[in-house]
Amino acid sequence: MLPSHRLARINELANKAKIEPLTSAEKREQQELRAEYLQAFRSRFKTQLHSITVVDEEGHDVTPEKLKKSKARHKKN
């Protein structure tokens, strides 16, 4: 998760962009912050997916093979 001051800065730049044009330095900062946010989000989402096991009504593991392979690769790293 990004620190709250980084999220606040993302929102500050977004709000400013609605009112007036951002400088080139602010645009670059905004892009970097957004990239950092997306990387953190994707990482947390993958971790959450790796904790999921799909089970049918009879209790059998029906987790998709693609997810099982991804879990196995994640454990090796």
PDB file of N, CA and C in Angstrom:
ATOM      1  N   MET A   1       0.844  -1.181   0.000  1.00  0.00           N
ATOM      2  CA  MET A   1       0.000   0.000   0.000  1.00  0.00           C
ATOM      3  C   MET A   1       0.886   1.239   0.000  1.00  0.00           C
ATOM      4  N   LEU A   2       0.478   2.198  -0.758  1.00  0.00           N
ATOM      5  CA  LEU A   2       1.215   3.459  -0.785  1.00  0.00           C
ATOM      6  C   LEU A   2       0.962   4.236   0.504  1.00  0.00           C
ATOM      7  N   PRO A   3       1.975   4.952   0.967  1.00  0.00           N
ATOM      8  CA  PRO A   3       1.762   5.801   2.142  1.00  0.00           C
ATOM      9  C   PRO A   3       0.670   6.835   1.858  1.00  0.00           C
ATOM     10  N   SER A   4      -0.010   7.243   2.894  1.00  0.00           N
ATOM     11  CA  SER A   4      -1.140   8.160   2.718  1.00  0.00           C
ATOM     12  C   SER A   4      -0.721   9.492   2.101  1.00  0.00           C
ATOM     13  N   HIS A   5       0.490   9.946   2.381  1.00  0.00           N
ATOM     14  CA  HIS A   5       0.925  11.216   1.789  1.00  0.00           C
ATOM     15  C   HIS A   5       1.117  11.095   0.277  1.00  0.00           C
ATOM     16  N   ARG A   6       1.473   9.898  -0.208  1.00  0.00           N
ATOM     17  CA  ARG A   6       1.618   9.682  -1.659  1.00  0.00           C
ATOM     18  C   ARG A   6       0.238   9.667  -2.321  1.00  0.00           C
ATOM     19  N   LEU A   7      -0.723   9.009  -1.678  1.00  0.00           N
ATOM     20  CA  LEU A   7      -2.094   8.997  -2.212  1.00  0.00           C
ATOM     21  C   LEU A   7      -2.687  10.401  -2.212  1.00  0.00           C
ATOM     22  N   ALA A   8      -2.414  11.145  -1.159  1.00  0.00           N
ATOM     23  CA  ALA A   8      -2.911  12.519  -1.086  1.00  0.00           C
ATOM     24  C   ALA A   8      -2.328  13.357  -2.220  1.00  0.00           C
ATOM     25  N   ARG A   9      -1.074  13.119  -2.542  1.00  0.00           N
ATOM     26  CA  ARG A   9      -0.437  13.876  -3.631  1.00  0.00           C
ATOM     27  C   ARG A   9      -1.057  13.502  -4.981  1.00  0.00           C
ATOM     28  N   ILE A  10      -1.366  12.228  -5.184  1.00  0.00           N
ATOM     29  CA  ILE A  10      -2.044  11.800  -6.417  1.00  0.00           C
ATOM     30  C   ILE A  10      -3.357  12.560  -6.562  1.00  0.00           C
ATOM     31  N   ASN A  11      -4.131  12.600  -5.493  1.00  0.00           N
ATOM     32  CA  ASN A  11      -5.424  13.296  -5.520  1.00  0.00           C
ATOM     33  C   ASN A  11      -5.258  14.801  -5.697  1.00  0.00           C
ATOM     34  N   GLU A  12      -4.248  15.350  -5.062  1.00  0.00           N
ATOM     35  CA  GLU A  12      -3.984  16.785  -5.187  1.00  0.00           C
ATOM     36  C   GLU A  12      -3.682  17.158  -6.644  1.00  0.00           C
ATOM     37  N   LEU A  13      -2.848  16.363  -7.294  1.00  0.00           N
ATOM     38  CA  LEU A  13      -2.509  16.636  -8.692  1.00  0.00           C
ATOM     39  C   LEU A  13      -3.716  16.435  -9.605  1.00  0.00           C
ATOM     40  N   ALA A  14      -4.526  15.428  -9.319  1.00  0.00           N
ATOM     41  CA  ALA A  14      -5.725  15.186 -10.130  1.00  0.00           C
ATOM     42  C   ALA A  14      -6.697  16.353 -10.010  1.00  0.00           C
ATOM     43  N   ASN A  15      -6.889  16.845  -8.800  1.00  0.00           N
ATOM     44  CA  ASN A  15      -7.792  17.982  -8.591  1.00  0.00           C
ATOM     45  C   ASN A  15      -7.251  19.251  -9.242  1.00  0.00           C
ATOM     46  N   LYS A  16      -5.958  19.451  -9.141  1.00  0.00           N
ATOM     47  CA  LYS A  16      -5.352  20.632  -9.755  1.00  0.00           C
ATOM     48  C   LYS A  16      -5.507  20.579 -11.277  1.00  0.00           C
ATOM     49  N   ALA A  17      -5.351  19.385 -11.857  1.00  0.00           N
ATOM     50  CA  ALA A  17      -5.460  19.228 -13.311  1.00  0.00           C
ATOM     51  C   ALA A  17      -6.862  19.561 -13.807  1.00  0.00           C
ATOM     52  N   LYS A  18      -7.856  19.401 -12.952  1.00  0.00           N
ATOM     53  CA  LYS A  18      -9.231  19.749 -13.331  1.00  0.00           C
ATOM     54  C   LYS A  18      -9.422  21.264 -13.395  1.00  0.00           C
ATOM     55  N   ILE A  19      -8.639  21.982 -12.623  1.00  0.00           N
ATOM     56  CA  ILE A  19      -8.787  23.434 -12.515  1.00  0.00           C
ATOM     57  C   ILE A  19      -7.866  24.177 -13.484  1.00  0.00           C
ATOM     58  N   GLU A  20      -6.632  23.710 -13.556  1.00  0.00           N
ATOM     59  CA  GLU A  20      -5.642  24.385 -14.401  1.00  0.00           C
ATOM     60  C   GLU A  20      -4.662  23.354 -14.954  1.00  0.00           C
ATOM     61  N   PRO A  21      -3.978  23.683 -16.029  1.00  0.00           N
ATOM     62  CA  PRO A  21      -3.010  22.738 -16.598  1.00  0.00           C
ATOM     63  C   PRO A  21      -1.840  22.487 -15.638  1.00  0.00           C
ATOM     64  N   LEU A  22      -1.362  21.255 -15.640  1.00  0.00           N
ATOM     65  CA  LEU A  22      -0.202  20.915 -14.821  1.00  0.00           C
ATOM     66  C   LEU A  22       1.073  21.295 -15.572  1.00  0.00           C
ATOM     67  N   THR A  23       2.101  21.606 -14.814  1.00  0.00           N
ATOM     68  CA  THR A  23       3.399  21.865 -15.435  1.00  0.00           C
ATOM     69  C   THR A  23       3.975  20.532 -15.898  1.00  0.00           C
ATOM     70  N   SER A  24       5.006  20.577 -16.706  1.00  0.00           N
ATOM     71  CA  SER A  24       5.604  19.327 -17.184  1.00  0.00           C
ATOM     72  C   SER A  24       6.183  18.521 -16.018  1.00  0.00           C
ATOM     73  N   ALA A  25       6.732  19.190 -15.028  1.00  0.00           N
ATOM     74  CA  ALA A  25       7.262  18.494 -13.849  1.00  0.00           C
ATOM     75  C   ALA A  25       6.134  17.825 -13.066  1.00  0.00           C
ATOM     76  N   GLU A  26       5.008  18.508 -12.940  1.00  0.00           N
ATOM     77  CA  GLU A  26       3.857  17.930 -12.230  1.00  0.00           C
ATOM     78  C   GLU A  26       3.277  16.755 -13.007  1.00  0.00           C
ATOM     79  N   LYS A  27       3.227  16.861 -14.317  1.00  0.00           N
ATOM     80  CA  LYS A  27       2.729  15.747 -15.135  1.00  0.00           C
ATOM     81  C   LYS A  27       3.619  14.526 -14.970  1.00  0.00           C
ATOM     82  N   ARG A  28       4.932  14.750 -14.977  1.00  0.00           N
ATOM     83  CA  ARG A  28       5.881  13.654 -14.805  1.00  0.00           C
ATOM     84  C   ARG A  28       5.702  13.020 -13.421  1.00  0.00           C
ATOM     85  N   GLU A  29       5.566  13.856 -12.396  1.00  0.00           N
ATOM     86  CA  GLU A  29       5.348  13.355 -11.034  1.00  0.00           C
ATOM     87  C   GLU A  29       4.053  12.553 -10.964  1.00  0.00           C
ATOM     88  N   GLN A  30       3.005  13.058 -11.605  1.00  0.00           N
ATOM     89  CA  GLN A  30       1.714  12.375 -11.608  1.00  0.00           C
ATOM     90  C   GLN A  30       1.833  11.001 -12.262  1.00  0.00           C
ATOM     91  N   GLN A  31       2.542  10.926 -13.384  1.00  0.00           N
ATOM     92  CA  GLN A  31       2.730   9.647 -14.065  1.00  0.00           C
ATOM     93  C   GLN A  31       3.506   8.665 -13.193  1.00  0.00           C
ATOM     94  N   GLU A  32       4.550   9.156 -12.525  1.00  0.00           N
ATOM     95  CA  GLU A  32       5.347   8.296 -11.649  1.00  0.00           C
ATOM     96  C   GLU A  32       4.523   7.790 -10.468  1.00  0.00           C
ATOM     97  N   LEU A  33       3.739   8.676  -9.877  1.00  0.00           N
ATOM     98  CA  LEU A  33       2.897   8.280  -8.744  1.00  0.00           C
ATOM     99  C   LEU A  33       1.840   7.265  -9.170  1.00  0.00           C
ATOM    100  N   ARG A  34       1.237   7.491 -10.327  1.00  0.00           N
ATOM    101  CA  ARG A  34       0.231   6.551 -10.827  1.00  0.00           C
ATOM    102  C   ARG A  34       0.852   5.188 -11.105  1.00  0.00           C
ATOM    103  N   ALA A  35       2.047   5.173 -11.702  1.00  0.00           N
ATOM    104  CA  ALA A  35       2.730   3.907 -11.975  1.00  0.00           C
ATOM    105  C   ALA A  35       3.043   3.174 -10.674  1.00  0.00           C
ATOM    106  N   GLU A  36       3.503   3.912  -9.674  1.00  0.00           N
ATOM    107  CA  GLU A  36       3.797   3.327  -8.365  1.00  0.00           C
ATOM    108  C   GLU A  36       2.528   2.751  -7.733  1.00  0.00           C
ATOM    109  N   TYR A  37       1.430   3.498  -7.837  1.00  0.00           N
ATOM    110  CA  TYR A  37       0.150   3.041  -7.289  1.00  0.00           C
ATOM    111  C   TYR A  37      -0.310   1.763  -7.987  1.00  0.00           C
ATOM    112  N   LEU A  38      -0.242   1.740  -9.315  1.00  0.00           N
ATOM    113  CA  LEU A  38      -0.680   0.557 -10.057  1.00  0.00           C
ATOM    114  C   LEU A  38       0.176  -0.659  -9.734  1.00  0.00           C
ATOM    115  N   GLN A  39       1.471  -0.467  -9.587  1.00  0.00           N
ATOM    116  CA  GLN A  39       2.353  -1.574  -9.244  1.00  0.00           C
ATOM    117  C   GLN A  39       1.975  -2.151  -7.878  1.00  0.00           C
ATOM    118  N   ALA A  40       1.734  -1.289  -6.907  1.00  0.00           N
ATOM    119  CA  ALA A  40       1.345  -1.743  -5.569  1.00  0.00           C
ATOM    120  C   ALA A  40      -0.007  -2.444  -5.607  1.00  0.00           C
ATOM    121  N   PHE A  41      -0.953  -1.887  -6.361  1.00  0.00           N
ATOM    122  CA  PHE A  41      -2.285  -2.480  -6.469  1.00  0.00           C
ATOM    123  C   PHE A  41      -2.205  -3.874  -7.084  1.00  0.00           C
ATOM    124  N   ARG A  42      -1.474  -4.003  -8.184  1.00  0.00           N
ATOM    125  CA  ARG A  42      -1.359  -5.298  -8.864  1.00  0.00           C
ATOM    126  C   ARG A  42      -0.686  -6.332  -7.980  1.00  0.00           C
ATOM    127  N   SER A  43       0.313  -5.913  -7.240  1.00  0.00           N
ATOM    128  CA  SER A  43       1.011  -6.822  -6.338  1.00  0.00           C
ATOM    129  C   SER A  43       0.072  -7.344  -5.249  1.00  0.00           C
ATOM    130  N   ARG A  44      -0.690  -6.439  -4.641  1.00  0.00           N
ATOM    131  CA  ARG A  44      -1.654  -6.861  -3.605  1.00  0.00           C
ATOM    132  C   ARG A  44      -2.732  -7.759  -4.194  1.00  0.00           C
ATOM    133  N   PHE A  45      -3.179  -7.438  -5.400  1.00  0.00           N
ATOM    134  CA  PHE A  45      -4.233  -8.226  -6.037  1.00  0.00           C
ATOM    135  C   PHE A  45      -3.740  -9.643  -6.333  1.00  0.00           C
ATOM    136  N   LYS A  46      -2.515  -9.778  -6.840  1.00  0.00           N
ATOM    137  CA  LYS A  46      -1.955 -11.110  -7.105  1.00  0.00           C
ATOM    138  C   LYS A  46      -1.838 -11.911  -5.815  1.00  0.00           C
ATOM    139  N   THR A  47      -1.394 -11.253  -4.751  1.00  0.00           N
ATOM    140  CA  THR A  47      -1.279 -11.930  -3.463  1.00  0.00           C
ATOM    141  C   THR A  47      -2.643 -12.430  -3.005  1.00  0.00           C
ATOM    142  N   GLN A  48      -3.657 -11.614  -3.196  1.00  0.00           N
ATOM    143  CA  GLN A  48      -5.009 -12.010  -2.813  1.00  0.00           C
ATOM    144  C   GLN A  48      -5.491 -13.188  -3.662  1.00  0.00           C
ATOM    145  N   LEU A  49      -5.235 -13.147  -4.961  1.00  0.00           N
ATOM    146  CA  LEU A  49      -5.643 -14.251  -5.831  1.00  0.00           C
ATOM    147  C   LEU A  49      -4.951 -15.552  -5.446  1.00  0.00           C
ATOM    148  N   HIS A  50      -3.692 -15.466  -5.046  1.00  0.00           N
ATOM    149  CA  HIS A  50      -2.955 -16.670  -4.683  1.00  0.00           C
ATOM    150  C   HIS A  50      -3.469 -17.302  -3.393  1.00  0.00           C
ATOM    151  N   SER A  51      -4.262 -16.588  -2.640  1.00  0.00           N
ATOM    152  CA  SER A  51      -4.813 -17.151  -1.408  1.00  0.00           C
ATOM    153  C   SER A  51      -6.180 -17.797  -1.632  1.00  0.00           C
ATOM    154  N   ILE A  52      -6.669 -17.772  -2.870  1.00  0.00           N
ATOM    155  CA  ILE A  52      -8.008 -18.286  -3.176  1.00  0.00           C
ATOM    156  C   ILE A  52      -7.941 -19.727  -3.671  1.00  0.00           C
ATOM    157  N   THR A  53      -8.845 -20.546  -3.173  1.00  0.00           N
ATOM    158  CA  THR A  53      -9.054 -21.894  -3.683  1.00  0.00           C
ATOM    159  C   THR A  53     -10.529 -22.016  -4.021  1.00  0.00           C
ATOM    160  N   VAL A  54     -10.812 -22.468  -5.244  1.00  0.00           N
ATOM    161  CA  VAL A  54     -12.198 -22.602  -5.691  1.00  0.00           C
ATOM    162  C   VAL A  54     -12.655 -24.029  -5.407  1.00  0.00           C
ATOM    163  N   VAL A  55     -13.803 -24.156  -4.728  1.00  0.00           N
ATOM    164  CA  VAL A  55     -14.328 -25.465  -4.339  1.00  0.00           C
ATOM    165  C   VAL A  55     -15.761 -25.580  -4.843  1.00  0.00           C
ATOM    166  N   ASP A  56     -16.105 -26.750  -5.421  1.00  0.00           N
ATOM    167  CA  ASP A  56     -17.478 -26.946  -5.897  1.00  0.00           C
ATOM    168  C   ASP A  56     -18.380 -27.381  -4.746  1.00  0.00           C
ATOM    169  N   GLU A  57     -19.654 -27.642  -5.062  1.00  0.00           N
ATOM    170  CA  GLU A  57     -20.643 -27.991  -4.033  1.00  0.00           C
ATOM    171  C   GLU A  57     -20.285 -29.267  -3.279  1.00  0.00           C
ATOM    172  N   GLU A  58     -19.530 -30.154  -3.926  1.00  0.00           N
ATOM    173  CA  GLU A  58     -19.172 -31.433  -3.301  1.00  0.00           C
ATOM    174  C   GLU A  58     -17.849 -31.365  -2.539  1.00  0.00           C
ATOM    175  N   GLY A  59     -17.241 -30.199  -2.522  1.00  0.00           N
ATOM    176  CA  GLY A  59     -16.007 -30.033  -1.774  1.00  0.00           C
ATOM    177  C   GLY A  59     -14.740 -30.318  -2.556  1.00  0.00           C
ATOM    178  N   HIS A  60     -14.856 -30.517  -3.867  1.00  0.00           N
ATOM    179  CA  HIS A  60     -13.683 -30.796  -4.692  1.00  0.00           C
ATOM    180  C   HIS A  60     -13.007 -29.492  -5.118  1.00  0.00           C
ATOM    181  N   ASP A  61     -11.696 -29.532  -5.129  1.00  0.00           N
ATOM    182  CA  ASP A  61     -10.920 -28.363  -5.563  1.00  0.00           C
ATOM    183  C   ASP A  61     -11.052 -28.219  -7.081  1.00  0.00           C
ATOM    184  N   VAL A  62     -11.647 -27.130  -7.523  1.00  0.00           N
ATOM    185  CA  VAL A  62     -11.822 -26.870  -8.956  1.00  0.00           C
ATOM    186  C   VAL A  62     -11.127 -25.556  -9.349  1.00  0.00           C
ATOM    187  N   THR A  63     -10.056 -25.260  -8.627  1.00  0.00           N
ATOM    188  CA  THR A  63      -9.288 -24.057  -8.930  1.00  0.00           C
ATOM    189  C   THR A  63      -8.743 -24.170 -10.353  1.00  0.00           C
ATOM    190  N   PRO A  64      -8.888 -23.133 -11.162  1.00  0.00           N
ATOM    191  CA  PRO A  64      -8.374 -23.180 -12.535  1.00  0.00           C
ATOM    192  C   PRO A  64      -6.872 -23.492 -12.568  1.00  0.00           C
ATOM    193  N   GLU A  65      -6.455 -24.270 -13.556  1.00  0.00           N
ATOM    194  CA  GLU A  65      -5.052 -24.669 -13.681  1.00  0.00           C
ATOM    195  C   GLU A  65      -4.125 -23.462 -13.784  1.00  0.00           C
ATOM    196  N   LYS A  66      -4.566 -22.441 -14.483  1.00  0.00           N
ATOM    197  CA  LYS A  66      -3.736 -21.248 -14.642  1.00  0.00           C
ATOM    198  C   LYS A  66      -3.418 -20.633 -13.278  1.00  0.00           C
ATOM    199  N   LEU A  67      -4.394 -20.607 -12.388  1.00  0.00           N
ATOM    200  CA  LEU A  67      -4.178 -20.059 -11.051  1.00  0.00           C
ATOM    201  C   LEU A  67      -3.272 -20.978 -10.238  1.00  0.00           C
ATOM    202  N   LYS A  68      -3.453 -22.291 -10.373  1.00  0.00           N
ATOM    203  CA  LYS A  68      -2.590 -23.235  -9.654  1.00  0.00           C
ATOM    204  C   LYS A  68      -1.133 -23.068 -10.074  1.00  0.00           C
ATOM    205  N   LYS A  69      -0.901 -22.907 -11.385  1.00  0.00           N
ATOM    206  CA  LYS A  69       0.465 -22.723 -11.883  1.00  0.00           C
ATOM    207  C   LYS A  69       1.047 -21.410 -11.376  1.00  0.00           C
ATOM    208  N   SER A  70       0.228 -20.388 -11.350  1.00  0.00           N
ATOM    209  CA  SER A  70       0.685 -19.087 -10.864  1.00  0.00           C
ATOM    210  C   SER A  70       1.050 -19.174  -9.383  1.00  0.00           C
ATOM    211  N   LYS A  71       0.254 -19.899  -8.605  1.00  0.00           N
ATOM    212  CA  LYS A  71       0.548 -20.082  -7.181  1.00  0.00           C
ATOM    213  C   LYS A  71       1.880 -20.805  -7.007  1.00  0.00           C
ATOM    214  N   ALA A  72       2.102 -21.846  -7.821  1.00  0.00           N
ATOM    215  CA  ALA A  72       3.339 -22.619  -7.724  1.00  0.00           C
ATOM    216  C   ALA A  72       4.553 -21.752  -8.063  1.00  0.00           C
ATOM    217  N   ARG A  73       4.444 -20.940  -9.106  1.00  0.00           N
ATOM    218  CA  ARG A  73       5.545 -20.044  -9.476  1.00  0.00           C
ATOM    219  C   ARG A  73       5.797 -19.024  -8.371  1.00  0.00           C
ATOM    220  N   HIS A  74       4.728 -18.545  -7.767  1.00  0.00           N
ATOM    221  CA  HIS A  74       4.841 -17.536  -6.708  1.00  0.00           C
ATOM    222  C   HIS A  74       5.553 -18.122  -5.486  1.00  0.00           C
ATOM    223  N   LYS A  75       5.277 -19.379  -5.161  1.00  0.00           N
ATOM    224  CA  LYS A  75       5.905 -20.015  -4.000  1.00  0.00           C
ATOM    225  C   LYS A  75       7.398 -20.220  -4.217  1.00  0.00           C
ATOM    226  N   LYS A  76       7.810 -20.470  -5.478  1.00  0.00           N
ATOM    227  CA  LYS A  76       9.228 -20.672  -5.780  1.00  0.00           C
ATOM    228  C   LYS A  76      10.022 -19.389  -5.594  1.00  0.00           C
ATOM    229  N   ASN A  77       9.381 -18.270  -5.836  1.00  0.00           N
ATOM    230  CA  ASN A  77      10.080 -16.979  -5.731  1.00  0.00           C
ATOM    231  C   ASN A  77      10.058 -16.556  -4.324  1.00  0.00           C
TER     232      ASN A  77
END
